[in-house]
Amino acid sequence: MTNLQRFWSKVDKVTDPGTPNCCWLWLGASPRGYGTFRVGLKTYRSHRYAYIREVGPIPSGWVVRPTCYESRCVRPSHLVAAPPTPSPRRGPTERPRGEAHSQAVLCEADVRTIRARYAAGVAQTVLAHTFGVTQPTISYIVRRRVWTHI
């Protein structure tokens, strides 16, 4: 059995006369909603494999989306390749940082104060208690693992 035959054996190609353009659903493994299909040592998302085999190569960096919004659909006519769309709030790789982060407890002035007091010899546990955060958070701040832009 070829890889392509093995792939299509894991697809439910429902043919309903009432809905001639219905989805072909992936029946194999589907971690996190999208199907996966292994060929040798490489694992593909099932919809990407279907697109590659039936439509053609996917341009580098592009994504394949089902136009029907069914994550398990592998019907080639339902799949479209497109460049990734950035989040409406920020660019594709830019993450919110500092005060802009949704879970920020501290502000930039707090971070500067923490670093100055730590440099003056105040213990991390005391700083954590003072600013209402954990000691590991203080450690990350003074070692510049977080709040690196300050």
C-alpha atoms as a PDB file:
ATOM      1  CA  MET A   1       0.000   0.000   0.000  1.00  0.00           C
ATOM      2  CA  THR A   2       1.440   3.369  -0.982  1.00  0.00           C
ATOM      3  CA  ASN A   3       1.573   6.328   1.395  1.00  0.00           C
ATOM      4  CA  LEU A   4      -1.188   8.037  -0.586  1.00  0.00           C
ATOM      5  CA  GLN A   5      -3.431   4.961  -0.412  1.00  0.00           C
ATOM      6  CA  ARG A   6      -2.731   4.672   3.310  1.00  0.00           C
ATOM      7  CA  PHE A   7      -3.583   8.362   3.740  1.00  0.00           C
ATOM      8  CA  TRP A   8      -6.920   8.182   1.916  1.00  0.00           C
ATOM      9  CA  SER A   9      -7.855   4.996   3.821  1.00  0.00           C
ATOM     10  CA  LYS A  10      -8.011   7.198   6.944  1.00  0.00           C
ATOM     11  CA  VAL A  11     -10.475   9.646   5.370  1.00  0.00           C
ATOM     12  CA  ASP A  12     -14.268   9.483   5.531  1.00  0.00           C
ATOM     13  CA  LYS A  13     -15.342  10.647   2.059  1.00  0.00           C
ATOM     14  CA  VAL A  14     -19.010  11.093   2.795  1.00  0.00           C
ATOM     15  CA  THR A  15     -21.014  11.332  -0.392  1.00  0.00           C
ATOM     16  CA  ASP A  16     -24.442  12.694   0.437  1.00  0.00           C
ATOM     17  CA  PRO A  17     -26.628  13.543  -2.569  1.00  0.00           C
ATOM     18  CA  GLY A  18     -28.223  16.341  -0.529  1.00  0.00           C
ATOM     19  CA  THR A  19     -24.843  18.005   0.118  1.00  0.00           C
ATOM     20  CA  PRO A  20     -22.543  17.272  -2.842  1.00  0.00           C
ATOM     21  CA  ASN A  21     -19.675  19.427  -1.532  1.00  0.00           C
ATOM     22  CA  CYS A  22     -19.466  18.083   2.026  1.00  0.00           C
ATOM     23  CA  CYS A  23     -16.231  17.718   3.999  1.00  0.00           C
ATOM     24  CA  TRP A  24     -13.931  14.725   3.854  1.00  0.00           C
ATOM     25  CA  LEU A  25     -13.041  14.105   7.480  1.00  0.00           C
ATOM     26  CA  TRP A  26      -9.719  12.793   8.755  1.00  0.00           C
ATOM     27  CA  LEU A  27     -10.286   9.707  10.941  1.00  0.00           C
ATOM     28  CA  GLY A  28      -6.673   9.175  12.038  1.00  0.00           C
ATOM     29  CA  ALA A  29      -4.816  10.752  14.923  1.00  0.00           C
ATOM     30  CA  SER A  30      -5.921  14.337  15.622  1.00  0.00           C
ATOM     31  CA  PRO A  31      -3.954  15.930  18.451  1.00  0.00           C
ATOM     32  CA  ARG A  32      -5.007  19.539  19.059  1.00  0.00           C
ATOM     33  CA  GLY A  33      -7.833  19.319  16.544  1.00  0.00           C
ATOM     34  CA  TYR A  34      -5.835  18.867  13.340  1.00  0.00           C
ATOM     35  CA  GLY A  35      -5.036  15.427  11.974  1.00  0.00           C
ATOM     36  CA  THR A  36      -1.498  14.116  11.659  1.00  0.00           C
ATOM     37  CA  PHE A  37      -0.048  11.686   9.130  1.00  0.00           C
ATOM     38  CA  ARG A  38       3.405  10.170   9.260  1.00  0.00           C
ATOM     39  CA  VAL A  39       5.481   9.350   6.193  1.00  0.00           C
ATOM     40  CA  GLY A  40       8.790   7.783   7.163  1.00  0.00           C
ATOM     41  CA  LEU A  41      10.354  10.069   9.768  1.00  0.00           C
ATOM     42  CA  LYS A  42       8.297  13.135   8.809  1.00  0.00           C
ATOM     43  CA  THR A  43       4.934  13.968  10.343  1.00  0.00           C
ATOM     44  CA  TYR A  44       2.512  16.132   8.381  1.00  0.00           C
ATOM     45  CA  ARG A  45      -0.723  17.815   9.355  1.00  0.00           C
ATOM     46  CA  SER A  46      -3.292  15.816   7.412  1.00  0.00           C
ATOM     47  CA  HIS A  47      -4.753  18.830   5.607  1.00  0.00           C
ATOM     48  CA  ARG A  48      -1.275  19.980   4.524  1.00  0.00           C
ATOM     49  CA  TYR A  49      -0.418  16.492   3.217  1.00  0.00           C
ATOM     50  CA  ALA A  50      -3.693  16.393   1.239  1.00  0.00           C
ATOM     51  CA  TYR A  51      -2.944  19.821  -0.228  1.00  0.00           C
ATOM     52  CA  ILE A  52       0.625  18.890  -1.204  1.00  0.00           C
ATOM     53  CA  ARG A  53      -0.409  15.607  -2.826  1.00  0.00           C
ATOM     54  CA  GLU A  54      -3.504  16.851  -4.639  1.00  0.00           C
ATOM     55  CA  VAL A  55      -2.860  20.559  -5.359  1.00  0.00           C
ATOM     56  CA  GLY A  56       0.886  21.091  -5.209  1.00  0.00           C
ATOM     57  CA  PRO A  57       3.692  22.462  -3.049  1.00  0.00           C
ATOM     58  CA  ILE A  58       2.994  25.003  -0.311  1.00  0.00           C
ATOM     59  CA  PRO A  59       5.101  28.172  -0.555  1.00  0.00           C
ATOM     60  CA  SER A  60       7.621  28.510   2.256  1.00  0.00           C
ATOM     61  CA  GLY A  61       6.120  30.107   5.361  1.00  0.00           C
ATOM     62  CA  TRP A  62       2.553  29.818   4.108  1.00  0.00           C
ATOM     63  CA  VAL A  63      -0.285  28.077   5.906  1.00  0.00           C
ATOM     64  CA  VAL A  64      -3.044  25.825   4.605  1.00  0.00           C
ATOM     65  CA  ARG A  65      -6.529  26.536   5.900  1.00  0.00           C
ATOM     66  CA  PRO A  66      -9.794  24.689   5.335  1.00  0.00           C
ATOM     67  CA  THR A  67     -12.303  27.165   3.889  1.00  0.00           C
ATOM     68  CA  CYS A  68     -15.083  25.188   5.572  1.00  0.00           C
ATOM     69  CA  TYR A  69     -13.555  25.868   9.034  1.00  0.00           C
ATOM     70  CA  GLU A  70     -13.604  22.148   9.859  1.00  0.00           C
ATOM     71  CA  SER A  71     -10.154  21.354  11.280  1.00  0.00           C
ATOM     72  CA  ARG A  72     -10.353  17.664  10.285  1.00  0.00           C
ATOM     73  CA  CYS A  73     -11.381  18.369   6.665  1.00  0.00           C
ATOM     74  CA  VAL A  74      -8.882  17.175   4.043  1.00  0.00           C
ATOM     75  CA  ARG A  75     -10.990  17.658   0.916  1.00  0.00           C
ATOM     76  CA  PRO A  76      -8.632  19.386  -1.547  1.00  0.00           C
ATOM     77  CA  SER A  77     -11.355  21.718  -2.857  1.00  0.00           C
ATOM     78  CA  HIS A  78     -11.876  22.979   0.718  1.00  0.00           C
ATOM     79  CA  LEU A  79      -8.184  23.779   1.286  1.00  0.00           C
ATOM     80  CA  VAL A  80      -6.445  27.023   0.450  1.00  0.00           C
ATOM     81  CA  ALA A  81      -2.801  28.068   0.911  1.00  0.00           C
ATOM     82  CA  ALA A  82      -2.169  31.625   2.066  1.00  0.00           C
ATOM     83  CA  PRO A  83       0.468  33.704   3.820  1.00  0.00           C
ATOM     84  CA  PRO A  84      -0.023  33.754   7.589  1.00  0.00           C
ATOM     85  CA  THR A  85      -2.115  36.655   8.815  1.00  0.00           C
ATOM     86  CA  PRO A  86      -0.724  38.695  11.694  1.00  0.00           C
ATOM     87  CA  SER A  87      -2.721  39.086  14.870  1.00  0.00           C
ATOM     88  CA  PRO A  88      -4.840  42.245  14.803  1.00  0.00           C
ATOM     89  CA  ARG A  89      -3.101  43.421  17.985  1.00  0.00           C
ATOM     90  CA  ARG A  90       0.519  42.885  16.952  1.00  0.00           C
ATOM     91  CA  GLY A  91       2.817  41.552  14.252  1.00  0.00           C
ATOM     92  CA  PRO A  92       3.398  37.843  13.621  1.00  0.00           C
ATOM     93  CA  THR A  93       6.411  37.506  15.949  1.00  0.00           C
ATOM     94  CA  GLU A  94       6.110  40.527  18.197  1.00  0.00           C
ATOM     95  CA  ARG A  95       4.890  39.704  21.710  1.00  0.00           C
ATOM     96  CA  PRO A  96       3.523  42.155  24.218  1.00  0.00           C
ATOM     97  CA  ARG A  97       6.063  42.902  26.876  1.00  0.00           C
ATOM     98  CA  GLY A  98       6.361  44.881  30.048  1.00  0.00           C
ATOM     99  CA  GLU A  99       3.257  46.762  31.094  1.00  0.00           C
ATOM    100  CA  ALA A 100       1.550  45.884  27.799  1.00  0.00           C
ATOM    101  CA  HIS A 101       1.471  42.211  28.768  1.00  0.00           C
ATOM    102  CA  SER A 102      -1.991  41.132  29.921  1.00  0.00           C
ATOM    103  CA  GLN A 103      -0.648  39.547  33.118  1.00  0.00           C
ATOM    104  CA  ALA A 104       1.810  42.270  34.116  1.00  0.00           C
ATOM    105  CA  VAL A 105       1.797  43.045  37.841  1.00  0.00           C
ATOM    106  CA  LEU A 106       4.724  45.450  37.822  1.00  0.00           C
ATOM    107  CA  CYS A 107       5.392  48.649  35.914  1.00  0.00           C
ATOM    108  CA  GLU A 108       8.697  49.855  34.466  1.00  0.00           C
ATOM    109  CA  ALA A 109       9.357  52.075  37.497  1.00  0.00           C
ATOM    110  CA  ASP A 110       8.942  49.039  39.803  1.00  0.00           C
ATOM    111  CA  VAL A 111      11.444  47.048  37.745  1.00  0.00           C
ATOM    112  CA  ARG A 112      14.020  49.854  37.884  1.00  0.00           C
ATOM    113  CA  THR A 113      13.500  50.153  41.650  1.00  0.00           C
ATOM    114  CA  ILE A 114      13.847  46.381  42.143  1.00  0.00           C
ATOM    115  CA  ARG A 115      17.119  46.297  40.210  1.00  0.00           C
ATOM    116  CA  ALA A 116      18.497  49.308  42.094  1.00  0.00           C
ATOM    117  CA  ARG A 117      17.538  47.934  45.520  1.00  0.00           C
ATOM    118  CA  TYR A 118      18.928  44.501  44.682  1.00  0.00           C
ATOM    119  CA  ALA A 119      22.208  46.119  43.575  1.00  0.00           C
ATOM    120  CA  ALA A 120      22.243  47.949  46.932  1.00  0.00           C
ATOM    121  CA  GLY A 121      22.042  44.609  48.775  1.00  0.00           C
ATOM    122  CA  VAL A 122      18.326  44.070  49.491  1.00  0.00           C
ATOM    123  CA  ALA A 123      17.418  40.349  49.491  1.00  0.00           C
ATOM    124  CA  GLN A 124      15.237  38.938  46.725  1.00  0.00           C
ATOM    125  CA  THR A 125      12.710  37.567  49.237  1.00  0.00           C
ATOM    126  CA  VAL A 126      12.294  41.026  50.794  1.00  0.00           C
ATOM    127  CA  LEU A 127      11.816  42.583  47.352  1.00  0.00           C
ATOM    128  CA  ALA A 128       9.288  39.895  46.442  1.00  0.00           C
ATOM    129  CA  HIS A 129       7.255  40.593  49.589  1.00  0.00           C
ATOM    130  CA  THR A 130       7.459  44.359  49.049  1.00  0.00           C
ATOM    131  CA  PHE A 131       6.250  44.236  45.439  1.00  0.00           C
ATOM    132  CA  GLY A 132       3.756  41.367  45.845  1.00  0.00           C
ATOM    133  CA  VAL A 133       5.441  38.909  43.501  1.00  0.00           C
ATOM    134  CA  THR A 134       7.369  35.667  43.974  1.00  0.00           C
ATOM    135  CA  GLN A 135      11.083  35.374  44.631  1.00  0.00           C
ATOM    136  CA  PRO A 136      11.674  33.620  41.271  1.00  0.00           C
ATOM    137  CA  THR A 137      10.065  36.623  39.556  1.00  0.00           C
ATOM    138  CA  ILE A 138      12.532  38.928  41.297  1.00  0.00           C
ATOM    139  CA  SER A 139      15.352  36.600  40.265  1.00  0.00           C
ATOM    140  CA  TYR A 140      14.272  36.761  36.603  1.00  0.00           C
ATOM    141  CA  ILE A 141      14.111  40.564  36.793  1.00  0.00           C
ATOM    142  CA  VAL A 142      17.544  41.080  38.346  1.00  0.00           C
ATOM    143  CA  ARG A 143      19.141  38.548  35.988  1.00  0.00           C
ATOM    144  CA  ARG A 144      17.392  40.282  33.060  1.00  0.00           C
ATOM    145  CA  ARG A 145      15.548  37.181  31.907  1.00  0.00           C
ATOM    146  CA  VAL A 146      12.336  39.248  31.837  1.00  0.00           C
ATOM    147  CA  TRP A 147      11.790  42.959  31.323  1.00  0.00           C
ATOM    148  CA  THR A 148      14.846  42.893  29.053  1.00  0.00           C
ATOM    149  CA  HIS A 149      13.816  46.071  27.266  1.00  0.00           C
ATOM    150  CA  ILE A 150      14.489  48.166  30.404  1.00  0.00           C
END
